[in-house]
Amino acid sequence: MNDLYVSLSICAQPSETDSEENMQRYPMTPEGKAALEKELQHLKSVERPRITQAIAEAREHGDLKENAEYHAAREQQGFCEGRIQDIEGKLGASQVIDVKDLEQNGRVVFGVTVTIENLDTEEQKTYKIVGDDEADFKQNKISVNSPIARGLLSKNEGDEAKITTPQGEVEYEVVKVEYL
């Protein structure tokens, strides 16, 4: 059993109808789910009609074989429909985990905000551990599947973690775990 599943099982127990063999679950925060729902709504209500209109206008120009506008609009339609299907699939298989509902015991699990200190440089960094679609390193949101998050999962405040980075193995101490 992999560490990710063990850590997620700490957060929320799957229902009796869910099984690892049948469905892959996508962990996400409530904010991440809301962002995907907003993007889906935008794609369906704004982008899809705009692309449909562009295809209709391009068809009016005549010969479709040599009509670059038509081919570009059809390509946009393919990307849009693909993204819609991707989002709908992820939302359908989502496992929304709200850390505010979890026992606040200082343990690093999905959704927490964790402050770590590099034991060599004494530099501190704070990250929020989120789902893949929510990750944004510039906002200090890291994917639960990133090497840093995987190295920190299941650690407690005060624990040390060795994490393999492109610069080599780095030791960190878990300074603070917040359930924000």
N, C-alpha and C. Protein backbone atom coordinates (compact mmCIF):
# COMPACT_ATOMS: atom_id res chain seq x y z
N MET A 1 0.87 -1.18 0.00
CA MET A 1 0.00 0.00 0.00
C MET A 1 0.90 1.23 0.00
N ASN A 2 0.61 2.21 -0.86
CA ASN A 2 1.50 3.35 -0.93
C ASN A 2 1.21 4.38 0.16
N ASP A 3 2.21 5.25 0.38
CA ASP A 3 2.12 6.24 1.46
C ASP A 3 0.97 7.21 1.25
N LEU A 4 0.70 7.56 -0.02
CA LEU A 4 -0.38 8.50 -0.30
C LEU A 4 -1.71 7.96 0.20
N TYR A 5 -2.01 6.71 -0.11
CA TYR A 5 -3.28 6.14 0.32
C TYR A 5 -3.36 6.06 1.83
N VAL A 6 -2.24 5.68 2.47
CA VAL A 6 -2.23 5.61 3.93
C VAL A 6 -2.52 6.98 4.51
N SER A 7 -1.89 8.02 3.97
CA SER A 7 -2.09 9.37 4.49
C SER A 7 -3.51 9.85 4.25
N LEU A 8 -4.05 9.55 3.06
CA LEU A 8 -5.41 9.97 2.78
C LEU A 8 -6.41 9.23 3.64
N SER A 9 -6.09 7.98 3.97
CA SER A 9 -7.03 7.23 4.80
C SER A 9 -7.09 7.79 6.20
N ILE A 10 -6.05 8.50 6.60
CA ILE A 10 -6.08 9.19 7.89
C ILE A 10 -7.13 10.29 7.86
N CYS A 11 -7.26 10.92 6.67
CA CYS A 11 -8.15 12.07 6.53
C CYS A 11 -9.60 11.66 6.40
N ALA A 12 -9.86 10.67 5.58
CA ALA A 12 -11.24 10.29 5.34
C ALA A 12 -11.29 8.83 4.93
N GLN A 13 -12.21 8.11 5.50
CA GLN A 13 -12.35 6.70 5.18
C GLN A 13 -13.22 6.56 3.94
N PRO A 14 -12.80 5.74 2.95
CA PRO A 14 -13.65 5.54 1.78
C PRO A 14 -14.94 4.80 2.18
N SER A 15 -16.00 5.05 1.42
CA SER A 15 -17.26 4.38 1.72
C SER A 15 -17.15 2.91 1.33
N GLU A 16 -18.12 2.14 1.76
CA GLU A 16 -18.11 0.71 1.49
C GLU A 16 -18.23 0.40 0.00
N THR A 17 -18.82 1.32 -0.78
CA THR A 17 -19.00 1.06 -2.20
C THR A 17 -17.75 1.41 -3.01
N ASP A 18 -16.84 2.19 -2.43
CA ASP A 18 -15.60 2.56 -3.12
C ASP A 18 -14.60 1.44 -2.98
N SER A 19 -13.83 1.21 -4.01
CA SER A 19 -12.73 0.26 -3.90
C SER A 19 -11.57 0.78 -4.72
N GLU A 20 -10.36 0.45 -4.30
CA GLU A 20 -9.17 0.92 -5.02
C GLU A 20 -9.16 0.41 -6.45
N GLU A 21 -9.68 -0.79 -6.67
CA GLU A 21 -9.64 -1.38 -8.00
C GLU A 21 -10.60 -0.67 -8.96
N ASN A 22 -11.73 -0.20 -8.46
CA ASN A 22 -12.77 0.33 -9.33
C ASN A 22 -12.60 1.80 -9.69
N MET A 23 -12.07 2.61 -8.79
CA MET A 23 -12.07 4.03 -9.04
C MET A 23 -10.87 4.72 -8.41
N GLN A 24 -10.23 5.58 -9.20
CA GLN A 24 -9.17 6.40 -8.64
C GLN A 24 -9.81 7.64 -8.04
N ARG A 25 -9.45 7.96 -6.82
CA ARG A 25 -10.00 9.13 -6.14
C ARG A 25 -9.03 10.30 -6.33
N TYR A 26 -9.58 11.50 -6.49
CA TYR A 26 -8.78 12.71 -6.63
C TYR A 26 -8.98 13.56 -5.39
N PRO A 27 -7.99 13.57 -4.49
CA PRO A 27 -8.14 14.40 -3.30
C PRO A 27 -8.08 15.87 -3.67
N MET A 28 -8.94 16.67 -3.06
CA MET A 28 -8.91 18.11 -3.29
C MET A 28 -9.52 18.82 -2.10
N THR A 29 -9.11 20.06 -1.95
CA THR A 29 -9.67 20.89 -0.88
C THR A 29 -11.00 21.45 -1.36
N PRO A 30 -11.82 21.96 -0.45
CA PRO A 30 -13.07 22.59 -0.89
C PRO A 30 -12.82 23.75 -1.86
N GLU A 31 -11.72 24.49 -1.64
CA GLU A 31 -11.38 25.60 -2.53
C GLU A 31 -11.02 25.08 -3.92
N GLY A 32 -10.30 23.96 -3.97
CA GLY A 32 -9.92 23.38 -5.25
C GLY A 32 -11.13 22.88 -6.02
N LYS A 33 -12.08 22.29 -5.32
CA LYS A 33 -13.31 21.83 -5.97
C LYS A 33 -14.08 23.02 -6.53
N ALA A 34 -14.17 24.09 -5.73
CA ALA A 34 -14.89 25.28 -6.19
C ALA A 34 -14.23 25.89 -7.42
N ALA A 35 -12.90 25.89 -7.47
CA ALA A 35 -12.18 26.44 -8.63
C ALA A 35 -12.44 25.60 -9.87
N LEU A 36 -12.45 24.27 -9.73
CA LEU A 36 -12.74 23.41 -10.88
C LEU A 36 -14.19 23.60 -11.35
N GLU A 37 -15.12 23.72 -10.40
CA GLU A 37 -16.51 23.95 -10.77
C GLU A 37 -16.68 25.28 -11.50
N LYS A 38 -15.96 26.30 -11.07
CA LYS A 38 -16.01 27.62 -11.72
C LYS A 38 -15.45 27.53 -13.14
N GLU A 39 -14.31 26.83 -13.29
CA GLU A 39 -13.73 26.66 -14.63
C GLU A 39 -14.68 25.89 -15.54
N LEU A 40 -15.30 24.84 -15.02
CA LEU A 40 -16.24 24.04 -15.80
C LEU A 40 -17.42 24.90 -16.25
N GLN A 41 -17.96 25.69 -15.35
CA GLN A 41 -19.08 26.58 -15.68
C GLN A 41 -18.67 27.56 -16.78
N HIS A 42 -17.47 28.11 -16.68
CA HIS A 42 -16.97 29.06 -17.69
C HIS A 42 -16.83 28.37 -19.04
N LEU A 43 -16.25 27.19 -19.04
CA LEU A 43 -16.07 26.46 -20.30
C LEU A 43 -17.40 26.16 -20.97
N LYS A 44 -18.39 25.74 -20.17
CA LYS A 44 -19.69 25.38 -20.73
C LYS A 44 -20.53 26.58 -21.14
N SER A 45 -20.49 27.66 -20.37
CA SER A 45 -21.38 28.78 -20.63
C SER A 45 -20.77 29.90 -21.46
N VAL A 46 -19.43 29.97 -21.53
CA VAL A 46 -18.79 31.05 -22.27
C VAL A 46 -17.98 30.50 -23.45
N GLU A 47 -17.03 29.62 -23.17
CA GLU A 47 -16.12 29.15 -24.22
C GLU A 47 -16.82 28.27 -25.25
N ARG A 48 -17.62 27.31 -24.81
CA ARG A 48 -18.28 26.40 -25.74
C ARG A 48 -19.18 27.17 -26.72
N PRO A 49 -20.05 28.09 -26.26
CA PRO A 49 -20.86 28.86 -27.22
C PRO A 49 -20.01 29.75 -28.14
N ARG A 50 -18.93 30.32 -27.60
CA ARG A 50 -18.06 31.16 -28.43
C ARG A 50 -17.43 30.35 -29.55
N ILE A 51 -16.96 29.16 -29.23
CA ILE A 51 -16.32 28.29 -30.23
C ILE A 51 -17.36 27.81 -31.25
N THR A 52 -18.55 27.46 -30.78
CA THR A 52 -19.62 27.03 -31.69
C THR A 52 -19.94 28.15 -32.68
N GLN A 53 -20.00 29.37 -32.20
CA GLN A 53 -20.26 30.52 -33.06
C GLN A 53 -19.12 30.72 -34.06
N ALA A 54 -17.88 30.55 -33.62
CA ALA A 54 -16.73 30.69 -34.52
C ALA A 54 -16.76 29.63 -35.62
N ILE A 55 -17.16 28.41 -35.28
CA ILE A 55 -17.28 27.35 -36.29
C ILE A 55 -18.37 27.70 -37.30
N ALA A 56 -19.50 28.19 -36.81
CA ALA A 56 -20.61 28.56 -37.71
C ALA A 56 -20.18 29.68 -38.66
N GLU A 57 -19.48 30.68 -38.14
CA GLU A 57 -19.01 31.78 -38.99
C GLU A 57 -18.00 31.29 -40.01
N ALA A 58 -17.11 30.40 -39.61
CA ALA A 58 -16.10 29.88 -40.53
C ALA A 58 -16.74 29.05 -41.64
N ARG A 59 -17.81 28.32 -41.31
CA ARG A 59 -18.51 27.53 -42.33
C ARG A 59 -19.13 28.42 -43.41
N GLU A 60 -19.54 29.60 -43.01
CA GLU A 60 -20.15 30.53 -43.97
C GLU A 60 -19.16 31.01 -45.02
N HIS A 61 -17.87 30.87 -44.73
CA HIS A 61 -16.84 31.34 -45.67
C HIS A 61 -16.63 30.38 -46.82
N GLY A 62 -17.30 29.26 -46.81
CA GLY A 62 -17.23 28.36 -47.96
C GLY A 62 -16.37 27.14 -47.74
N ASP A 63 -15.52 26.82 -48.71
CA ASP A 63 -14.72 25.60 -48.77
C ASP A 63 -14.01 25.31 -47.45
N LEU A 64 -14.42 24.21 -46.80
CA LEU A 64 -13.88 23.87 -45.49
C LEU A 64 -12.48 23.27 -45.57
N LYS A 65 -12.10 22.70 -46.73
CA LYS A 65 -10.78 22.08 -46.86
C LYS A 65 -9.66 23.09 -46.67
N GLU A 66 -9.84 24.28 -47.17
CA GLU A 66 -8.78 25.30 -47.13
C GLU A 66 -9.13 26.45 -46.18
N ASN A 67 -10.03 26.21 -45.26
CA ASN A 67 -10.50 27.26 -44.37
C ASN A 67 -9.76 27.15 -43.03
N ALA A 68 -8.73 27.96 -42.85
CA ALA A 68 -7.90 27.91 -41.64
C ALA A 68 -8.70 28.30 -40.39
N GLU A 69 -9.62 29.24 -40.53
CA GLU A 69 -10.44 29.66 -39.39
C GLU A 69 -11.29 28.50 -38.89
N TYR A 70 -11.85 27.74 -39.82
CA TYR A 70 -12.67 26.59 -39.45
C TYR A 70 -11.83 25.55 -38.71
N HIS A 71 -10.66 25.23 -39.26
CA HIS A 71 -9.81 24.22 -38.63
C HIS A 71 -9.32 24.67 -37.26
N ALA A 72 -9.02 25.95 -37.11
CA ALA A 72 -8.58 26.47 -35.81
C ALA A 72 -9.72 26.39 -34.79
N ALA A 73 -10.92 26.73 -35.22
CA ALA A 73 -12.07 26.68 -34.32
C ALA A 73 -12.37 25.23 -33.91
N ARG A 74 -12.25 24.30 -34.86
CA ARG A 74 -12.49 22.89 -34.53
C ARG A 74 -11.43 22.38 -33.55
N GLU A 75 -10.19 22.84 -33.71
CA GLU A 75 -9.13 22.45 -32.78
C GLU A 75 -9.42 23.00 -31.38
N GLN A 76 -9.84 24.26 -31.31
CA GLN A 76 -10.22 24.85 -30.02
C GLN A 76 -11.37 24.07 -29.39
N GLN A 77 -12.32 23.65 -30.22
CA GLN A 77 -13.45 22.87 -29.72
C GLN A 77 -12.97 21.56 -29.11
N GLY A 78 -12.02 20.92 -29.74
CA GLY A 78 -11.47 19.66 -29.22
C GLY A 78 -10.80 19.86 -27.87
N PHE A 79 -10.01 20.91 -27.76
CA PHE A 79 -9.35 21.19 -26.48
C PHE A 79 -10.38 21.51 -25.39
N CYS A 80 -11.37 22.30 -25.73
CA CYS A 80 -12.40 22.70 -24.76
C CYS A 80 -13.18 21.47 -24.29
N GLU A 81 -13.63 20.65 -25.22
CA GLU A 81 -14.41 19.46 -24.85
C GLU A 81 -13.56 18.48 -24.04
N GLY A 82 -12.28 18.37 -24.39
CA GLY A 82 -11.38 17.50 -23.62
C GLY A 82 -11.22 17.98 -22.19
N ARG A 83 -11.07 19.29 -22.02
CA ARG A 83 -10.92 19.85 -20.67
C ARG A 83 -12.22 19.67 -19.87
N ILE A 84 -13.37 19.86 -20.53
CA ILE A 84 -14.66 19.65 -19.86
C ILE A 84 -14.76 18.22 -19.35
N GLN A 85 -14.42 17.26 -20.20
CA GLN A 85 -14.47 15.85 -19.79
C GLN A 85 -13.50 15.57 -18.65
N ASP A 86 -12.31 16.15 -18.73
CA ASP A 86 -11.30 15.96 -17.68
C ASP A 86 -11.82 16.48 -16.34
N ILE A 87 -12.36 17.69 -16.34
CA ILE A 87 -12.87 18.29 -15.11
C ILE A 87 -14.05 17.49 -14.56
N GLU A 88 -14.98 17.12 -15.44
CA GLU A 88 -16.14 16.35 -14.98
C GLU A 88 -15.71 15.01 -14.38
N GLY A 89 -14.71 14.38 -14.98
CA GLY A 89 -14.19 13.12 -14.44
C GLY A 89 -13.57 13.30 -13.07
N LYS A 90 -12.77 14.35 -12.93
CA LYS A 90 -12.13 14.61 -11.64
C LYS A 90 -13.14 14.98 -10.57
N LEU A 91 -14.11 15.80 -10.92
CA LEU A 91 -15.13 16.17 -9.93
C LEU A 91 -15.97 14.95 -9.54
N GLY A 92 -16.24 14.09 -10.51
CA GLY A 92 -17.02 12.89 -10.22
C GLY A 92 -16.29 11.91 -9.31
N ALA A 93 -14.96 11.91 -9.39
CA ALA A 93 -14.16 10.99 -8.58
C ALA A 93 -13.44 11.73 -7.46
N SER A 94 -13.89 12.94 -7.15
CA SER A 94 -13.18 13.74 -6.15
C SER A 94 -13.45 13.23 -4.73
N GLN A 95 -12.45 13.44 -3.91
CA GLN A 95 -12.57 13.17 -2.48
C GLN A 95 -12.23 14.49 -1.81
N VAL A 96 -13.26 15.26 -1.47
CA VAL A 96 -13.06 16.58 -0.88
C VAL A 96 -12.71 16.41 0.59
N ILE A 97 -11.57 16.96 0.96
CA ILE A 97 -11.08 16.85 2.33
C ILE A 97 -10.93 18.25 2.89
N ASP A 98 -11.72 18.56 3.91
CA ASP A 98 -11.64 19.86 4.57
C ASP A 98 -10.88 19.66 5.88
N VAL A 99 -9.67 20.22 5.95
CA VAL A 99 -8.82 19.99 7.12
C VAL A 99 -9.43 20.56 8.39
N LYS A 100 -10.34 21.50 8.25
CA LYS A 100 -10.97 22.08 9.44
C LYS A 100 -11.82 21.05 10.19
N ASP A 101 -12.22 19.99 9.46
CA ASP A 101 -13.04 18.94 10.06
C ASP A 101 -12.21 17.82 10.68
N LEU A 102 -10.89 17.88 10.51
CA LEU A 102 -10.01 16.80 10.99
C LEU A 102 -9.54 17.07 12.41
N GLU A 103 -9.13 16.00 13.07
CA GLU A 103 -8.53 16.13 14.39
C GLU A 103 -7.21 16.89 14.24
N GLN A 104 -7.05 17.95 15.00
CA GLN A 104 -5.85 18.79 14.89
C GLN A 104 -4.80 18.28 15.88
N ASN A 105 -4.04 17.30 15.41
CA ASN A 105 -3.07 16.65 16.29
C ASN A 105 -1.62 16.90 15.91
N GLY A 106 -1.37 17.87 15.02
CA GLY A 106 -0.01 18.20 14.64
C GLY A 106 0.60 17.27 13.61
N ARG A 107 -0.22 16.44 13.01
CA ARG A 107 0.25 15.49 12.00
C ARG A 107 0.08 16.09 10.60
N VAL A 108 1.06 15.86 9.72
CA VAL A 108 0.99 16.35 8.35
C VAL A 108 0.12 15.41 7.53
N VAL A 109 -1.01 15.95 7.05
CA VAL A 109 -1.93 15.21 6.19
C VAL A 109 -2.34 16.14 5.05
N PHE A 110 -3.07 15.60 4.10
CA PHE A 110 -3.55 16.39 2.98
C PHE A 110 -4.32 17.60 3.47
N GLY A 111 -4.04 18.76 2.88
CA GLY A 111 -4.78 19.98 3.17
C GLY A 111 -4.19 20.87 4.24
N VAL A 112 -3.21 20.38 5.00
CA VAL A 112 -2.64 21.21 6.06
C VAL A 112 -1.67 22.24 5.47
N THR A 113 -1.41 23.25 6.26
CA THR A 113 -0.35 24.21 5.96
C THR A 113 0.79 23.87 6.90
N VAL A 114 1.94 23.57 6.33
CA VAL A 114 3.07 23.10 7.12
C VAL A 114 4.27 24.02 6.93
N THR A 115 4.90 24.36 8.05
CA THR A 115 6.13 25.15 8.03
C THR A 115 7.28 24.20 8.31
N ILE A 116 8.27 24.22 7.42
CA ILE A 116 9.43 23.35 7.57
C ILE A 116 10.69 24.20 7.60
N GLU A 117 11.73 23.65 8.23
CA GLU A 117 13.01 24.35 8.31
C GLU A 117 14.11 23.44 7.77
N ASN A 118 14.88 24.00 6.83
CA ASN A 118 16.03 23.29 6.30
C ASN A 118 17.07 23.23 7.41
N LEU A 119 17.47 22.04 7.82
CA LEU A 119 18.38 21.90 8.96
C LEU A 119 19.80 22.39 8.66
N ASP A 120 20.18 22.45 7.38
CA ASP A 120 21.51 22.96 7.02
C ASP A 120 21.55 24.48 6.97
N THR A 121 20.54 25.10 6.34
CA THR A 121 20.56 26.55 6.14
C THR A 121 19.69 27.30 7.14
N GLU A 122 18.89 26.59 7.92
CA GLU A 122 17.94 27.17 8.87
C GLU A 122 16.88 28.04 8.19
N GLU A 123 16.73 27.89 6.88
CA GLU A 123 15.71 28.62 6.14
C GLU A 123 14.36 27.94 6.35
N GLN A 124 13.33 28.75 6.64
CA GLN A 124 11.99 28.21 6.83
C GLN A 124 11.12 28.49 5.61
N LYS A 125 10.27 27.52 5.28
CA LYS A 125 9.31 27.67 4.19
C LYS A 125 7.97 27.12 4.67
N THR A 126 6.90 27.74 4.17
CA THR A 126 5.56 27.30 4.51
C THR A 126 4.83 26.89 3.24
N TYR A 127 4.24 25.69 3.28
CA TYR A 127 3.52 25.15 2.14
C TYR A 127 2.15 24.65 2.58
N LYS A 128 1.20 24.73 1.65
CA LYS A 128 -0.09 24.08 1.85
C LYS A 128 -0.10 22.87 0.93
N ILE A 129 -0.46 21.71 1.45
CA ILE A 129 -0.49 20.48 0.68
C ILE A 129 -1.88 20.32 0.07
N VAL A 130 -1.94 20.34 -1.27
CA VAL A 130 -3.21 20.36 -1.99
C VAL A 130 -3.23 19.30 -3.09
N GLY A 131 -4.34 19.21 -3.80
CA GLY A 131 -4.47 18.28 -4.92
C GLY A 131 -3.66 18.74 -6.13
N ASP A 132 -3.50 17.85 -7.08
CA ASP A 132 -2.68 18.14 -8.26
C ASP A 132 -3.14 19.37 -9.02
N ASP A 133 -4.44 19.53 -9.21
CA ASP A 133 -4.97 20.66 -9.98
C ASP A 133 -4.86 21.99 -9.23
N GLU A 134 -4.67 21.94 -7.94
CA GLU A 134 -4.60 23.16 -7.13
C GLU A 134 -3.18 23.66 -6.94
N ALA A 135 -2.21 22.80 -7.19
CA ALA A 135 -0.81 23.13 -6.90
C ALA A 135 -0.37 24.37 -7.66
N ASP A 136 0.29 25.27 -6.94
CA ASP A 136 0.84 26.49 -7.51
C ASP A 136 2.02 26.90 -6.63
N PHE A 137 3.21 26.57 -7.08
CA PHE A 137 4.40 26.77 -6.26
C PHE A 137 4.60 28.24 -5.90
N LYS A 138 4.19 29.15 -6.80
CA LYS A 138 4.33 30.59 -6.52
C LYS A 138 3.47 31.02 -5.34
N GLN A 139 2.37 30.28 -5.10
CA GLN A 139 1.49 30.58 -3.96
C GLN A 139 1.76 29.64 -2.79
N ASN A 140 2.88 28.91 -2.86
CA ASN A 140 3.28 27.95 -1.82
C ASN A 140 2.26 26.84 -1.62
N LYS A 141 1.60 26.45 -2.71
CA LYS A 141 0.68 25.32 -2.68
C LYS A 141 1.36 24.19 -3.45
N ILE A 142 1.64 23.08 -2.74
CA ILE A 142 2.33 21.98 -3.40
C ILE A 142 1.42 20.76 -3.50
N SER A 143 1.60 20.02 -4.58
CA SER A 143 0.80 18.83 -4.81
C SER A 143 1.10 17.76 -3.78
N VAL A 144 0.07 17.04 -3.39
CA VAL A 144 0.21 15.92 -2.46
C VAL A 144 1.14 14.87 -3.05
N ASN A 145 1.31 14.87 -4.37
CA ASN A 145 2.17 13.90 -5.04
C ASN A 145 3.59 14.41 -5.26
N SER A 146 3.89 15.62 -4.83
CA SER A 146 5.24 16.17 -5.00
C SER A 146 6.20 15.48 -4.03
N PRO A 147 7.49 15.46 -4.36
CA PRO A 147 8.46 14.83 -3.46
C PRO A 147 8.47 15.45 -2.05
N ILE A 148 8.31 16.75 -1.96
CA ILE A 148 8.32 17.40 -0.65
C ILE A 148 7.12 16.93 0.18
N ALA A 149 5.92 16.99 -0.42
CA ALA A 149 4.72 16.58 0.31
C ALA A 149 4.78 15.11 0.70
N ARG A 150 5.21 14.27 -0.23
CA ARG A 150 5.27 12.84 0.08
C ARG A 150 6.25 12.56 1.21
N GLY A 151 7.33 13.34 1.27
CA GLY A 151 8.29 13.16 2.36
C GLY A 151 7.78 13.66 3.70
N LEU A 152 6.81 14.57 3.67
CA LEU A 152 6.29 15.16 4.91
C LEU A 152 5.04 14.46 5.44
N LEU A 153 4.28 13.79 4.57
CA LEU A 153 3.04 13.15 5.00
C LEU A 153 3.29 12.19 6.15
N SER A 154 2.42 12.24 7.12
CA SER A 154 2.43 11.40 8.33
C SER A 154 3.47 11.82 9.36
N LYS A 155 4.24 12.87 9.08
CA LYS A 155 5.18 13.38 10.09
C LYS A 155 4.41 14.26 11.07
N ASN A 156 4.98 14.45 12.24
CA ASN A 156 4.38 15.30 13.27
C ASN A 156 5.27 16.51 13.51
N GLU A 157 4.70 17.52 14.18
CA GLU A 157 5.51 18.68 14.54
C GLU A 157 6.73 18.19 15.32
N GLY A 158 7.91 18.71 14.97
CA GLY A 158 9.15 18.32 15.63
C GLY A 158 9.88 17.17 14.94
N ASP A 159 9.19 16.43 14.06
CA ASP A 159 9.83 15.33 13.34
C ASP A 159 10.77 15.88 12.26
N GLU A 160 11.73 15.05 11.88
CA GLU A 160 12.63 15.38 10.79
C GLU A 160 12.29 14.51 9.60
N ALA A 161 12.48 15.08 8.40
CA ALA A 161 12.20 14.34 7.16
C ALA A 161 13.34 14.55 6.19
N LYS A 162 13.80 13.45 5.60
CA LYS A 162 14.82 13.53 4.53
C LYS A 162 14.08 13.51 3.21
N ILE A 163 14.31 14.55 2.40
CA ILE A 163 13.60 14.68 1.14
C ILE A 163 14.62 14.79 0.02
N THR A 164 14.44 13.98 -1.02
CA THR A 164 15.32 14.01 -2.16
C THR A 164 14.88 15.12 -3.10
N THR A 165 15.81 16.04 -3.37
CA THR A 165 15.56 17.17 -4.26
C THR A 165 16.56 17.11 -5.41
N PRO A 166 16.39 17.96 -6.43
CA PRO A 166 17.38 17.98 -7.52
C PRO A 166 18.80 18.30 -7.02
N GLN A 167 18.91 19.00 -5.89
CA GLN A 167 20.21 19.34 -5.33
C GLN A 167 20.75 18.23 -4.43
N GLY A 168 20.01 17.17 -4.28
CA GLY A 168 20.42 16.07 -3.41
C GLY A 168 19.44 15.90 -2.26
N GLU A 169 19.84 15.10 -1.29
CA GLU A 169 18.97 14.84 -0.14
C GLU A 169 19.08 16.00 0.86
N VAL A 170 17.93 16.50 1.29
CA VAL A 170 17.88 17.63 2.21
C VAL A 170 17.07 17.21 3.44
N GLU A 171 17.56 17.59 4.62
CA GLU A 171 16.84 17.28 5.85
C GLU A 171 16.06 18.50 6.31
N TYR A 172 14.80 18.26 6.62
CA TYR A 172 13.91 19.31 7.11
C TYR A 172 13.34 18.91 8.45
N GLU A 173 13.01 19.91 9.24
CA GLU A 173 12.26 19.67 10.48
C GLU A 173 10.88 20.26 10.29
N VAL A 174 9.86 19.55 10.73
CA VAL A 174 8.50 20.05 10.70
C VAL A 174 8.35 21.00 11.89
N VAL A 175 8.25 22.28 11.61
CA VAL A 175 8.18 23.30 12.65
C VAL A 175 6.76 23.49 13.16
N LYS A 176 5.82 23.60 12.21
CA LYS A 176 4.43 23.90 12.59
C LYS A 176 3.48 23.28 11.58
N VAL A 177 2.37 22.73 12.07
CA VAL A 177 1.31 22.19 11.23
C VAL A 177 0.03 22.94 11.57
N GLU A 178 -0.57 23.57 10.56
CA GLU A 178 -1.79 24.36 10.78
C GLU A 178 -2.94 23.77 9.97
N TYR A 179 -4.08 23.72 10.57
CA TYR A 179 -5.29 23.20 9.92
C TYR A 179 -6.18 24.39 9.53
N LEU A 180 -5.75 25.12 8.51
CA LEU A 180 -6.44 26.35 8.10
C LEU A 180 -7.49 26.09 7.04
